[in-house]
Amino acid sequence: MRNPAELTDAFRAKGWKVTPQRQLLFRLLHDTDRHPTADALFVEASGQMPGISLRTVYQTLNDLVAMDELHVVNIGGSTRFDPNTAAHQHAVCSACGTIRDVYLSGVDGLGVAEVDDFHPQRTRITVTGVCGRCADLTPTRRPTGSHHKENQQ
């Protein structure tokens, strides 16, 4: 994802409004490895700018997706937004839901031999397992389907 100043210029070039709320969202999404939901981003933004609307968050996220500045990630039933637009895959903790970027070589070279006349455009692989934090918890304290606070952001 481009930096906030570049995104501001890109929005203005499209004739879109650049509000302080949008600029805050640009800053929150820039240079992060998190995969926030719109609701988590709204909560974080509200803490810094009370009065920001959930509609503004959704509209800004949708605009950034349309500009290919964010990718939509649907893992575990919730829609998340990924500011890392480089080719990568995801590792997901099955205990807490944390999503991490992973780089697997050769993924784009995988073919689909069983489907006639199919031309892959992109391959997405999700690796599931248990993160180190959850693995260190005893079985009685291990979360079941809940998310660590930092994963929700």
Protein backbone atom coordinates (compact mmCIF):
# COMPACT_ATOMS: atom_id res chain seq x y z
CA MET A 1 0.00 0.00 0.00
CA ARG A 2 1.28 3.44 -0.85
CA ASN A 3 2.09 5.87 1.94
CA PRO A 4 -0.59 8.29 3.23
CA ALA A 5 0.69 11.26 1.20
CA GLU A 6 0.63 9.22 -2.02
CA LEU A 7 -2.86 7.94 -1.25
CA THR A 8 -4.03 11.50 -0.63
CA ASP A 9 -2.69 12.51 -4.06
CA ALA A 10 -4.27 9.45 -5.71
CA PHE A 11 -7.69 10.17 -4.17
CA ARG A 12 -7.52 13.81 -5.24
CA ALA A 13 -6.51 12.77 -8.77
CA LYS A 14 -9.71 10.73 -8.93
CA GLY A 15 -11.72 13.69 -7.68
CA TRP A 16 -12.51 11.97 -4.38
CA LYS A 17 -12.73 13.88 -1.12
CA VAL A 18 -9.75 13.64 1.18
CA THR A 19 -11.01 14.26 4.67
CA PRO A 20 -9.14 14.11 7.98
CA GLN A 21 -11.03 10.85 8.64
CA ARG A 22 -9.72 9.27 5.46
CA GLN A 23 -6.21 10.49 6.18
CA LEU A 24 -6.40 8.85 9.61
CA LEU A 25 -7.43 5.57 7.99
CA PHE A 26 -4.55 5.85 5.51
CA ARG A 27 -2.15 6.22 8.46
CA LEU A 28 -3.66 3.32 10.41
CA LEU A 29 -3.39 0.98 7.42
CA HIS A 30 0.04 2.08 6.23
CA ASP A 31 3.08 -0.06 6.99
CA THR A 32 1.27 -2.62 9.13
CA ASP A 33 1.17 -6.40 9.00
CA ARG A 34 -2.29 -6.57 10.57
CA HIS A 35 -5.35 -7.76 8.70
CA PRO A 36 -8.13 -5.70 10.31
CA THR A 37 -11.85 -6.04 9.90
CA ALA A 38 -13.77 -2.86 9.11
CA ASP A 39 -15.27 -2.93 12.60
CA ALA A 40 -11.87 -3.27 14.31
CA LEU A 41 -10.49 -0.43 12.21
CA PHE A 42 -13.53 1.66 13.13
CA VAL A 43 -12.93 1.06 16.85
CA GLU A 44 -9.26 1.99 16.51
CA ALA A 45 -10.03 5.10 14.45
CA SER A 46 -12.80 6.15 16.87
CA GLY A 47 -10.28 6.09 19.69
CA GLN A 48 -8.20 8.67 17.84
CA MET A 49 -11.00 10.60 16.18
CA PRO A 50 -14.33 10.35 17.99
CA GLY A 51 -17.20 10.89 15.59
CA ILE A 52 -15.72 9.05 12.60
CA SER A 53 -18.51 7.04 11.01
CA LEU A 54 -18.50 3.35 10.21
CA ARG A 55 -19.79 4.33 6.76
CA THR A 56 -16.62 6.39 6.18
CA VAL A 57 -14.49 3.41 7.18
CA TYR A 58 -16.33 1.06 4.81
CA GLN A 59 -16.31 3.57 1.93
CA THR A 60 -12.59 4.25 2.35
CA LEU A 61 -11.79 0.53 2.51
CA ASN A 62 -13.88 -0.16 -0.59
CA ASP A 63 -12.18 2.71 -2.44
CA LEU A 64 -8.74 1.38 -1.47
CA VAL A 65 -9.72 -2.12 -2.65
CA ALA A 66 -10.95 -0.68 -5.97
CA MET A 67 -7.58 1.08 -6.34
CA ASP A 68 -5.76 -2.22 -5.58
CA GLU A 69 -4.21 -0.66 -2.48
CA LEU A 70 -5.82 -3.26 -0.21
CA HIS A 71 -6.78 -6.87 -0.75
CA VAL A 72 -9.85 -8.49 0.75
CA VAL A 73 -9.09 -11.60 2.79
CA ASN A 74 -11.96 -13.91 3.72
CA ILE A 75 -10.68 -16.27 6.37
CA GLY A 76 -12.63 -17.74 9.23
CA GLY A 77 -15.94 -16.16 8.34
CA SER A 78 -14.89 -12.53 8.63
CA THR A 79 -13.82 -10.12 5.93
CA ARG A 80 -10.44 -8.61 6.60
CA PHE A 81 -8.39 -6.10 4.70
CA ASP A 82 -4.73 -6.67 3.83
CA PRO A 83 -2.57 -3.65 3.01
CA ASN A 84 0.23 -5.93 1.81
CA THR A 85 -0.39 -6.13 -1.93
CA ALA A 86 2.81 -8.05 -2.67
CA ALA A 87 2.43 -11.70 -3.66
CA HIS A 88 2.09 -13.68 -0.42
CA GLN A 89 0.00 -16.27 1.37
CA HIS A 90 -1.43 -16.46 4.89
CA ALA A 91 -0.90 -18.53 8.01
CA VAL A 92 -3.89 -18.55 10.36
CA CYS A 93 -3.93 -19.65 13.98
CA SER A 94 -6.89 -21.99 14.45
CA ALA A 95 -7.05 -21.14 18.16
CA CYS A 96 -7.05 -17.32 18.20
CA GLY A 97 -7.55 -16.37 14.53
CA THR A 98 -4.33 -14.37 14.13
CA ILE A 99 -3.40 -13.98 10.46
CA ARG A 100 0.21 -13.62 9.41
CA ASP A 101 1.73 -13.05 6.01
CA VAL A 102 3.95 -15.86 4.72
CA TYR A 103 5.98 -16.07 1.56
CA LEU A 104 5.93 -19.43 -0.16
CA SER A 105 8.04 -19.95 -3.25
CA GLY A 106 6.59 -21.57 -6.36
CA VAL A 107 2.94 -20.92 -5.52
CA ASP A 108 2.15 -19.07 -8.74
CA GLY A 109 3.60 -21.95 -10.75
CA LEU A 110 1.08 -24.44 -9.42
CA GLY A 111 -1.25 -25.81 -12.06
CA VAL A 112 -4.67 -27.38 -12.04
CA ALA A 113 -4.42 -30.53 -14.12
CA GLU A 114 -7.81 -31.95 -13.19
CA VAL A 115 -9.86 -29.10 -14.68
CA ASP A 116 -9.99 -28.92 -18.47
CA ASP A 117 -9.53 -25.52 -20.10
CA PHE A 118 -8.83 -23.70 -16.83
CA HIS A 119 -6.32 -20.88 -16.71
CA PRO A 120 -5.31 -19.89 -13.15
CA GLN A 121 -4.78 -16.19 -12.56
CA ARG A 122 -3.84 -16.27 -8.90
CA THR A 123 -3.24 -18.98 -6.35
CA ARG A 124 -4.12 -18.42 -2.71
CA ILE A 125 -2.92 -20.78 -0.04
CA THR A 126 -3.91 -20.56 3.61
CA VAL A 127 -1.84 -22.51 6.09
CA THR A 128 -3.65 -23.27 9.35
CA GLY A 129 -2.09 -24.26 12.63
CA VAL A 130 -1.47 -22.92 16.09
CA CYS A 131 0.62 -19.79 16.69
CA GLY A 132 3.43 -19.82 19.24
CA ARG A 133 1.44 -17.79 21.72
CA CYS A 134 -1.46 -20.24 21.70
CA ALA A 135 0.85 -23.27 21.66
CA ASP A 136 2.45 -21.99 24.88
CA LEU A 137 -0.91 -21.88 26.66
CA THR A 138 -1.98 -24.93 28.56
CA PRO A 139 -4.94 -26.78 27.02
CA THR A 140 -7.26 -25.50 29.75
CA ARG A 141 -6.32 -21.87 29.05
CA ARG A 142 -6.15 -22.10 25.24
CA PRO A 143 -8.77 -19.87 23.56
CA THR A 144 -11.35 -21.63 21.42
CA GLY A 145 -12.28 -19.56 18.42
CA SER A 146 -11.79 -16.27 20.24
CA HIS A 147 -9.35 -13.71 18.96
CA HIS A 148 -6.49 -12.06 20.77
CA LYS A 149 -7.14 -8.32 21.12
CA GLU A 150 -4.35 -7.41 18.72
CA ASN A 151 -5.75 -9.75 16.06
CA GLN A 152 -9.06 -7.90 16.01
CA GLN A 153 -7.37 -4.68 15.01
